[in-house]
Amino acid sequence: MAAILSKQDIYQLLQQQPPLIEGFINLEEQVQPNGIDLTLREIALLQSSGKIAVSDSQRLVSDLAPLVFDGLGFIDLIPGAYIITYNEIVHLPKNVMALARPRSSLLRCGVTVNTAVWDAGYSGRSQSLMVVYNSHGFRLQRNARLVQLVFLRLTEETEGYHGAYQRENI
């Protein structure tokens, strides 16, 4: 039976090589009872259309234009869609997968983050889709905690992720 990892389980996996997560900003603040908060490294605008076809060989992701933070590390965002990159590098064992959910403070500001599944065996610095719904915009600082990554132990080890995004942004 699959189980969500506890804070104690997470700390154990942080001691392994490679660690469950590396590149964190403040481990004590980021480790939660049921997961680890991921923080903002970069934010970018989508600059082109993308394409998903039946064959992965025809996949085309959108081009990105990185945005610049001000001298205090903030950026003012207008309503719209953005691609965010996290500071943390995730190394999932072959018997652990992860799901991320936006932090509640983000939602209370009219902003959300949409994510895909982090497959067992994945290793990389992930990206997600941030959507600002608030018509007044949103002010965001580099290194802010945005999502909580929740880990689920699988019933058994799998062959692990071998897709196009393995070792991305490392």
C-alpha atoms as a PDB file:
ATOM      1  CA  MET A   1       0.000   0.000   0.000  1.00  0.00           C
ATOM      2  CA  ALA A   2       1.320   3.481  -0.917  1.00  0.00           C
ATOM      3  CA  ALA A   3       1.939   5.909   1.965  1.00  0.00           C
ATOM      4  CA  ILE A   4       2.694   9.617   2.277  1.00  0.00           C
ATOM      5  CA  LEU A   5       6.126  10.161   3.799  1.00  0.00           C
ATOM      6  CA  SER A   6       6.345  11.799   7.222  1.00  0.00           C
ATOM      7  CA  LYS A   7       8.780  14.507   8.281  1.00  0.00           C
ATOM      8  CA  GLN A   8      10.948  11.776   9.852  1.00  0.00           C
ATOM      9  CA  ASP A   9      10.952   9.757   6.588  1.00  0.00           C
ATOM     10  CA  ILE A  10      11.939  12.887   4.676  1.00  0.00           C
ATOM     11  CA  TYR A  11      14.858  13.604   7.007  1.00  0.00           C
ATOM     12  CA  GLN A  12      16.074  10.008   6.541  1.00  0.00           C
ATOM     13  CA  LEU A  13      15.980  10.386   2.734  1.00  0.00           C
ATOM     14  CA  LEU A  14      17.847  13.699   3.009  1.00  0.00           C
ATOM     15  CA  GLN A  15      20.773  11.734   4.525  1.00  0.00           C
ATOM     16  CA  GLN A  16      21.058   9.325   1.570  1.00  0.00           C
ATOM     17  CA  GLN A  17      23.285   9.814  -1.500  1.00  0.00           C
ATOM     18  CA  PRO A  18      22.050  11.453  -3.544  1.00  0.00           C
ATOM     19  CA  PRO A  19      19.871  13.285  -1.007  1.00  0.00           C
ATOM     20  CA  LEU A  20      16.119  13.521  -1.630  1.00  0.00           C
ATOM     21  CA  ILE A  21      16.524  17.299  -2.098  1.00  0.00           C
ATOM     22  CA  GLU A  22      19.584  19.500  -2.547  1.00  0.00           C
ATOM     23  CA  GLY A  23      19.960  23.227  -3.161  1.00  0.00           C
ATOM     24  CA  PHE A  24      17.425  24.220  -0.509  1.00  0.00           C
ATOM     25  CA  ILE A  25      17.436  27.734   0.952  1.00  0.00           C
ATOM     26  CA  ASN A  26      16.524  26.975   4.594  1.00  0.00           C
ATOM     27  CA  LEU A  27      15.892  23.314   5.371  1.00  0.00           C
ATOM     28  CA  GLU A  28      14.324  23.971   8.802  1.00  0.00           C
ATOM     29  CA  GLU A  29      11.727  26.326   7.251  1.00  0.00           C
ATOM     30  CA  GLN A  30      11.147  24.199   4.166  1.00  0.00           C
ATOM     31  CA  VAL A  31      10.575  20.757   5.724  1.00  0.00           C
ATOM     32  CA  GLN A  32       6.908  20.434   6.657  1.00  0.00           C
ATOM     33  CA  PRO A  33       5.013  17.637   8.464  1.00  0.00           C
ATOM     34  CA  ASN A  34       4.033  16.105   5.080  1.00  0.00           C
ATOM     35  CA  GLY A  35       6.550  17.420   2.565  1.00  0.00           C
ATOM     36  CA  ILE A  36       9.133  20.007   1.561  1.00  0.00           C
ATOM     37  CA  ASP A  37       8.449  23.527   0.325  1.00  0.00           C
ATOM     38  CA  LEU A  38      10.122  24.370  -2.996  1.00  0.00           C
ATOM     39  CA  THR A  39      11.394  27.895  -3.591  1.00  0.00           C
ATOM     40  CA  LEU A  40      11.576  30.225  -6.582  1.00  0.00           C
ATOM     41  CA  ARG A  41      14.819  30.429  -8.563  1.00  0.00           C
ATOM     42  CA  GLU A  42      13.603  31.954 -11.855  1.00  0.00           C
ATOM     43  CA  ILE A  43      10.414  33.084 -13.553  1.00  0.00           C
ATOM     44  CA  ALA A  44       9.870  33.412 -17.306  1.00  0.00           C
ATOM     45  CA  LEU A  45       7.264  34.433 -19.853  1.00  0.00           C
ATOM     46  CA  LEU A  46       6.100  32.016 -22.535  1.00  0.00           C
ATOM     47  CA  GLN A  47       7.322  33.331 -25.919  1.00  0.00           C
ATOM     48  CA  SER A  48       5.990  30.835 -28.462  1.00  0.00           C
ATOM     49  CA  SER A  49       3.384  28.162 -28.952  1.00  0.00           C
ATOM     50  CA  GLY A  50       4.151  24.591 -27.987  1.00  0.00           C
ATOM     51  CA  LYS A  51       3.176  21.261 -29.500  1.00  0.00           C
ATOM     52  CA  ILE A  52       2.341  17.863 -28.036  1.00  0.00           C
ATOM     53  CA  ALA A  53       1.838  15.059 -30.560  1.00  0.00           C
ATOM     54  CA  VAL A  54       1.345  11.318 -30.404  1.00  0.00           C
ATOM     55  CA  SER A  55       5.096  10.815 -30.728  1.00  0.00           C
ATOM     56  CA  ASP A  56       7.440  12.403 -28.179  1.00  0.00           C
ATOM     57  CA  SER A  57       9.828  13.105 -31.062  1.00  0.00           C
ATOM     58  CA  GLN A  58       7.342  15.756 -32.270  1.00  0.00           C
ATOM     59  CA  ARG A  59       7.024  17.446 -28.856  1.00  0.00           C
ATOM     60  CA  LEU A  60       7.931  21.137 -28.872  1.00  0.00           C
ATOM     61  CA  VAL A  61       7.893  23.111 -25.630  1.00  0.00           C
ATOM     62  CA  SER A  62       7.386  26.867 -25.653  1.00  0.00           C
ATOM     63  CA  ASP A  63      10.361  29.219 -25.784  1.00  0.00           C
ATOM     64  CA  LEU A  64      10.885  31.226 -22.599  1.00  0.00           C
ATOM     65  CA  ALA A  65      12.025  34.776 -21.816  1.00  0.00           C
ATOM     66  CA  PRO A  66      13.431  35.037 -18.265  1.00  0.00           C
ATOM     67  CA  LEU A  67      12.194  37.988 -16.217  1.00  0.00           C
ATOM     68  CA  VAL A  68      14.490  40.182 -14.103  1.00  0.00           C
ATOM     69  CA  PHE A  69      14.061  40.700 -10.360  1.00  0.00           C
ATOM     70  CA  ASP A  70      14.589  44.207  -8.941  1.00  0.00           C
ATOM     71  CA  GLY A  71      17.438  45.168  -6.595  1.00  0.00           C
ATOM     72  CA  LEU A  72      15.569  43.736  -3.594  1.00  0.00           C
ATOM     73  CA  GLY A  73      14.858  40.478  -5.424  1.00  0.00           C
ATOM     74  CA  PHE A  74      11.187  41.232  -6.162  1.00  0.00           C
ATOM     75  CA  ILE A  75       9.218  41.145  -9.384  1.00  0.00           C
ATOM     76  CA  ASP A  76       5.769  42.594 -10.111  1.00  0.00           C
ATOM     77  CA  LEU A  77       3.617  40.258 -12.195  1.00  0.00           C
ATOM     78  CA  ILE A  78       0.538  41.153 -14.180  1.00  0.00           C
ATOM     79  CA  PRO A  79      -2.241  38.577 -14.593  1.00  0.00           C
ATOM     80  CA  GLY A  80      -1.161  35.739 -16.859  1.00  0.00           C
ATOM     81  CA  ALA A  81       0.815  32.531 -17.144  1.00  0.00           C
ATOM     82  CA  TYR A  82       4.494  32.142 -16.242  1.00  0.00           C
ATOM     83  CA  ILE A  83       6.988  29.279 -16.082  1.00  0.00           C
ATOM     84  CA  ILE A  84       8.801  29.036 -12.766  1.00  0.00           C
ATOM     85  CA  THR A  85      11.991  27.136 -12.000  1.00  0.00           C
ATOM     86  CA  TYR A  86      12.738  25.943  -8.477  1.00  0.00           C
ATOM     87  CA  ASN A  87      15.994  26.312  -6.556  1.00  0.00           C
ATOM     88  CA  GLU A  88      15.875  22.762  -5.285  1.00  0.00           C
ATOM     89  CA  ILE A  89      17.127  19.719  -7.163  1.00  0.00           C
ATOM     90  CA  VAL A  90      14.969  16.656  -6.489  1.00  0.00           C
ATOM     91  CA  HIS A  91      16.390  13.101  -6.475  1.00  0.00           C
ATOM     92  CA  LEU A  92      13.552  10.620  -6.082  1.00  0.00           C
ATOM     93  CA  PRO A  93      14.354   7.013  -5.194  1.00  0.00           C
ATOM     94  CA  LYS A  94      12.788   4.364  -7.434  1.00  0.00           C
ATOM     95  CA  ASN A  95      10.131   3.649  -4.798  1.00  0.00           C
ATOM     96  CA  VAL A  96       9.049   7.275  -4.160  1.00  0.00           C
ATOM     97  CA  MET A  97       6.986   9.648  -6.327  1.00  0.00           C
ATOM     98  CA  ALA A  98       5.920  13.214  -5.544  1.00  0.00           C
ATOM     99  CA  LEU A  99       3.018  15.602  -6.076  1.00  0.00           C
ATOM    100  CA  ALA A 100       3.132  19.361  -5.449  1.00  0.00           C
ATOM    101  CA  ARG A 101       0.408  21.677  -4.238  1.00  0.00           C
ATOM    102  CA  PRO A 102       0.520  25.492  -4.036  1.00  0.00           C
ATOM    103  CA  ARG A 103       0.988  26.978  -0.582  1.00  0.00           C
ATOM    104  CA  SER A 104      -2.260  28.361   0.821  1.00  0.00           C
ATOM    105  CA  SER A 105      -0.883  31.921   1.077  1.00  0.00           C
ATOM    106  CA  LEU A 106      -0.315  31.883  -2.676  1.00  0.00           C
ATOM    107  CA  LEU A 107      -3.915  30.840  -3.295  1.00  0.00           C
ATOM    108  CA  ARG A 108      -5.181  33.561  -0.944  1.00  0.00           C
ATOM    109  CA  CYS A 109      -3.411  36.079  -3.214  1.00  0.00           C
ATOM    110  CA  GLY A 110      -5.216  34.814  -6.324  1.00  0.00           C
ATOM    111  CA  VAL A 111      -2.204  32.894  -7.661  1.00  0.00           C
ATOM    112  CA  THR A 112      -1.750  29.179  -8.253  1.00  0.00           C
ATOM    113  CA  VAL A 113       0.920  26.787  -9.448  1.00  0.00           C
ATOM    114  CA  ASN A 114       0.092  23.842 -11.670  1.00  0.00           C
ATOM    115  CA  THR A 115       2.451  20.893 -11.673  1.00  0.00           C
ATOM    116  CA  ALA A 116       2.873  17.470 -13.196  1.00  0.00           C
ATOM    117  CA  VAL A 117       3.741  14.258 -11.357  1.00  0.00           C
ATOM    118  CA  TRP A 118       7.329  13.802 -10.204  1.00  0.00           C
ATOM    119  CA  ASP A 119       7.880  10.157 -11.212  1.00  0.00           C
ATOM    120  CA  ALA A 120       9.849   7.697  -9.094  1.00  0.00           C
ATOM    121  CA  GLY A 121      13.502   7.810 -10.160  1.00  0.00           C
ATOM    122  CA  TYR A 122      13.303  11.429 -11.434  1.00  0.00           C
ATOM    123  CA  SER A 123      16.267  13.689 -10.790  1.00  0.00           C
ATOM    124  CA  GLY A 124      16.342  17.360 -11.738  1.00  0.00           C
ATOM    125  CA  ARG A 125      15.478  20.997 -11.050  1.00  0.00           C
ATOM    126  CA  SER A 126      11.849  21.158 -12.085  1.00  0.00           C
ATOM    127  CA  GLN A 127       9.662  23.786 -13.659  1.00  0.00           C
ATOM    128  CA  SER A 128       5.948  24.454 -13.174  1.00  0.00           C
ATOM    129  CA  LEU A 129       3.232  26.747 -14.484  1.00  0.00           C
ATOM    130  CA  MET A 130       2.329  29.722 -12.279  1.00  0.00           C
ATOM    131  CA  VAL A 131      -0.896  31.528 -13.086  1.00  0.00           C
ATOM    132  CA  VAL A 132      -1.676  34.965 -11.659  1.00  0.00           C
ATOM    133  CA  TYR A 133      -5.479  35.316 -11.575  1.00  0.00           C
ATOM    134  CA  ASN A 134      -5.568  38.387  -9.346  1.00  0.00           C
ATOM    135  CA  SER A 135      -6.598  41.338 -11.548  1.00  0.00           C
ATOM    136  CA  HIS A 136      -4.382  43.597  -9.404  1.00  0.00           C
ATOM    137  CA  GLY A 137      -1.306  41.488 -10.123  1.00  0.00           C
ATOM    138  CA  PHE A 138       1.116  39.916  -7.679  1.00  0.00           C
ATOM    139  CA  ARG A 139       4.476  40.875  -6.150  1.00  0.00           C
ATOM    140  CA  LEU A 140       6.877  37.967  -5.714  1.00  0.00           C
ATOM    141  CA  GLN A 141      10.383  37.677  -4.271  1.00  0.00           C
ATOM    142  CA  ARG A 142      13.148  35.342  -5.439  1.00  0.00           C
ATOM    143  CA  ASN A 143      13.605  32.350  -3.083  1.00  0.00           C
ATOM    144  CA  ALA A 144      10.007  32.582  -1.800  1.00  0.00           C
ATOM    145  CA  ARG A 145       8.413  29.241  -0.876  1.00  0.00           C
ATOM    146  CA  LEU A 146       5.727  28.482  -3.484  1.00  0.00           C
ATOM    147  CA  VAL A 147       4.660  24.834  -3.397  1.00  0.00           C
ATOM    148  CA  GLN A 148       4.811  21.913  -1.014  1.00  0.00           C
ATOM    149  CA  LEU A 149       6.188  18.739  -2.564  1.00  0.00           C
ATOM    150  CA  VAL A 150       4.500  15.705  -0.983  1.00  0.00           C
ATOM    151  CA  PHE A 151       6.205  12.314  -1.297  1.00  0.00           C
ATOM    152  CA  LEU A 152       4.440   8.972  -1.679  1.00  0.00           C
ATOM    153  CA  ARG A 153       6.198   5.647  -1.134  1.00  0.00           C
ATOM    154  CA  LEU A 154       5.176   3.125  -3.805  1.00  0.00           C
ATOM    155  CA  THR A 155       4.182  -0.459  -3.040  1.00  0.00           C
ATOM    156  CA  GLU A 156       7.396  -1.585  -4.729  1.00  0.00           C
ATOM    157  CA  GLU A 157      10.395  -0.161  -6.577  1.00  0.00           C
ATOM    158  CA  THR A 158       9.902   0.697 -10.271  1.00  0.00           C
ATOM    159  CA  GLU A 159      12.362   0.930 -13.144  1.00  0.00           C
ATOM    160  CA  GLY A 160      12.384   4.698 -12.597  1.00  0.00           C
ATOM    161  CA  TYR A 161      11.826   7.717 -14.808  1.00  0.00           C
ATOM    162  CA  HIS A 162      13.781   7.826 -18.088  1.00  0.00           C
ATOM    163  CA  GLY A 163      11.971  10.659 -19.896  1.00  0.00           C
ATOM    164  CA  ALA A 164      13.158  13.806 -21.646  1.00  0.00           C
ATOM    165  CA  TYR A 165      13.257  15.855 -18.438  1.00  0.00           C
ATOM    166  CA  GLN A 166      15.589  13.563 -16.484  1.00  0.00           C
ATOM    167  CA  ARG A 167      18.436  15.676 -15.020  1.00  0.00           C
ATOM    168  CA  GLU A 168      16.791  18.899 -16.302  1.00  0.00           C
ATOM    169  CA  ASN A 169      18.215  22.280 -15.287  1.00  0.00           C
ATOM    170  CA  ILE A 170      21.043  20.745 -13.247  1.00  0.00           C
END
